Amino acid sequence: ENGLDEMDKRLLEALVHKFEGRPVGVKSLSVALGEDAVTIEEVFEPFLIQEGYLMRTPQGRIATSKTYRFFGLNPNRGPQPELFDNH
């Protein structure tokens, strides 16, 4: 439906969950996914960037708000308030 294969989903999920939305270098992403860094850069990233799921920044790769919506999450990547605040 959206053109994402399993590796695309794993890569995006790692950005959102494992790295908590922080910018990630390709080497760290490579280790987390067990995939060669060159393969990530040449095979997976071009499609994800073109489709608007991923951005490359000087600090590293980040998931876009489209990625967060894909996973049913709030695209606001800022700190979330605690459910039960003790104040």
Protein backbone atom coordinates (compact mmCIF):
# COMPACT_ATOMS: atom_id res chain seq x y z
CA GLU A 1 0.00 0.00 0.00
CA ASN A 2 2.70 2.53 0.96
CA GLY A 3 5.59 0.77 -0.79
CA LEU A 4 7.52 0.00 2.40
CA ASP A 5 9.14 -3.41 2.70
CA GLU A 6 10.14 -5.11 5.94
CA MET A 7 13.63 -3.59 6.02
CA ASP A 8 12.21 -0.10 5.40
CA LYS A 9 9.89 -0.60 8.36
CA ARG A 10 12.71 -1.95 10.56
CA LEU A 11 14.90 1.02 9.71
CA LEU A 12 12.17 3.55 10.47
CA GLU A 13 11.16 1.72 13.63
CA ALA A 14 14.77 1.84 14.86
CA LEU A 15 14.88 5.60 14.31
CA VAL A 16 11.64 6.16 16.20
CA HIS A 17 11.93 3.64 19.01
CA LYS A 18 15.51 2.46 19.50
CA PHE A 19 17.09 5.89 18.96
CA GLU A 20 14.07 7.80 20.34
CA GLY A 21 13.87 10.20 17.42
CA ARG A 22 17.39 11.53 17.88
CA PRO A 23 19.66 11.94 14.83
CA VAL A 24 21.53 8.71 14.06
CA GLY A 25 24.71 8.11 12.10
CA VAL A 26 24.64 5.47 9.39
CA LYS A 27 27.20 3.33 11.25
CA SER A 28 25.02 3.19 14.37
CA LEU A 29 21.98 2.41 12.24
CA SER A 30 23.96 -0.29 10.46
CA VAL A 31 24.89 -2.00 13.72
CA ALA A 32 21.33 -1.74 15.08
CA LEU A 33 19.87 -3.33 11.95
CA GLY A 34 22.65 -5.83 11.21
CA GLU A 35 22.87 -4.39 7.70
CA ASP A 36 25.84 -3.00 5.78
CA ALA A 37 26.09 0.81 5.94
CA VAL A 38 26.62 1.08 2.18
CA THR A 39 23.47 -0.95 1.56
CA ILE A 40 21.49 1.35 3.85
CA GLU A 41 22.81 4.44 2.05
CA GLU A 42 22.44 3.11 -1.49
CA VAL A 43 19.39 0.84 -1.33
CA PHE A 44 17.05 1.88 1.48
CA GLU A 45 17.65 5.57 2.12
CA PRO A 46 16.95 6.94 -1.39
CA PHE A 47 13.41 5.54 -1.41
CA LEU A 48 12.68 6.58 2.18
CA ILE A 49 13.96 10.10 1.53
CA GLN A 50 12.04 10.39 -1.75
CA GLU A 51 8.82 9.25 -0.08
CA GLY A 52 9.29 11.65 2.83
CA TYR A 53 9.88 9.15 5.65
CA LEU A 54 13.53 9.97 6.33
CA MET A 55 15.77 13.03 6.32
CA ARG A 56 19.55 13.20 6.31
CA THR A 57 20.83 16.07 8.41
CA PRO A 58 24.39 17.09 9.33
CA GLN A 59 23.75 15.47 12.74
CA GLY A 60 22.45 12.18 11.29
CA ARG A 61 19.35 10.47 9.94
CA ILE A 62 15.99 11.39 11.45
CA ALA A 63 12.46 10.12 10.98
CA THR A 64 9.96 12.66 9.63
CA SER A 65 6.49 13.35 10.95
CA LYS A 66 5.19 11.09 8.15
CA THR A 67 7.05 8.19 9.78
CA TYR A 68 5.54 8.93 13.18
CA ARG A 69 2.05 9.03 11.65
CA PHE A 70 2.75 5.73 9.86
CA PHE A 71 3.36 4.10 13.26
CA GLY A 72 0.31 5.85 14.75
CA LEU A 73 2.44 8.11 16.94
CA ASN A 74 2.36 11.82 17.63
CA PRO A 75 4.77 13.48 15.20
CA ASN A 76 5.77 15.94 17.93
CA ARG A 77 9.11 14.43 18.94
CA GLY A 78 9.54 16.66 21.98
CA PRO A 79 9.35 15.38 25.53
CA GLN A 80 5.99 13.95 26.41
CA PRO A 81 4.36 14.70 29.77
CA GLU A 82 4.14 11.85 32.23
CA LEU A 83 0.76 10.17 32.43
CA PHE A 84 0.62 10.49 36.20
CA ASP A 85 2.50 13.56 37.28
CA ASN A 86 3.16 13.70 41.03
CA HIS A 87 2.98 17.50 41.32
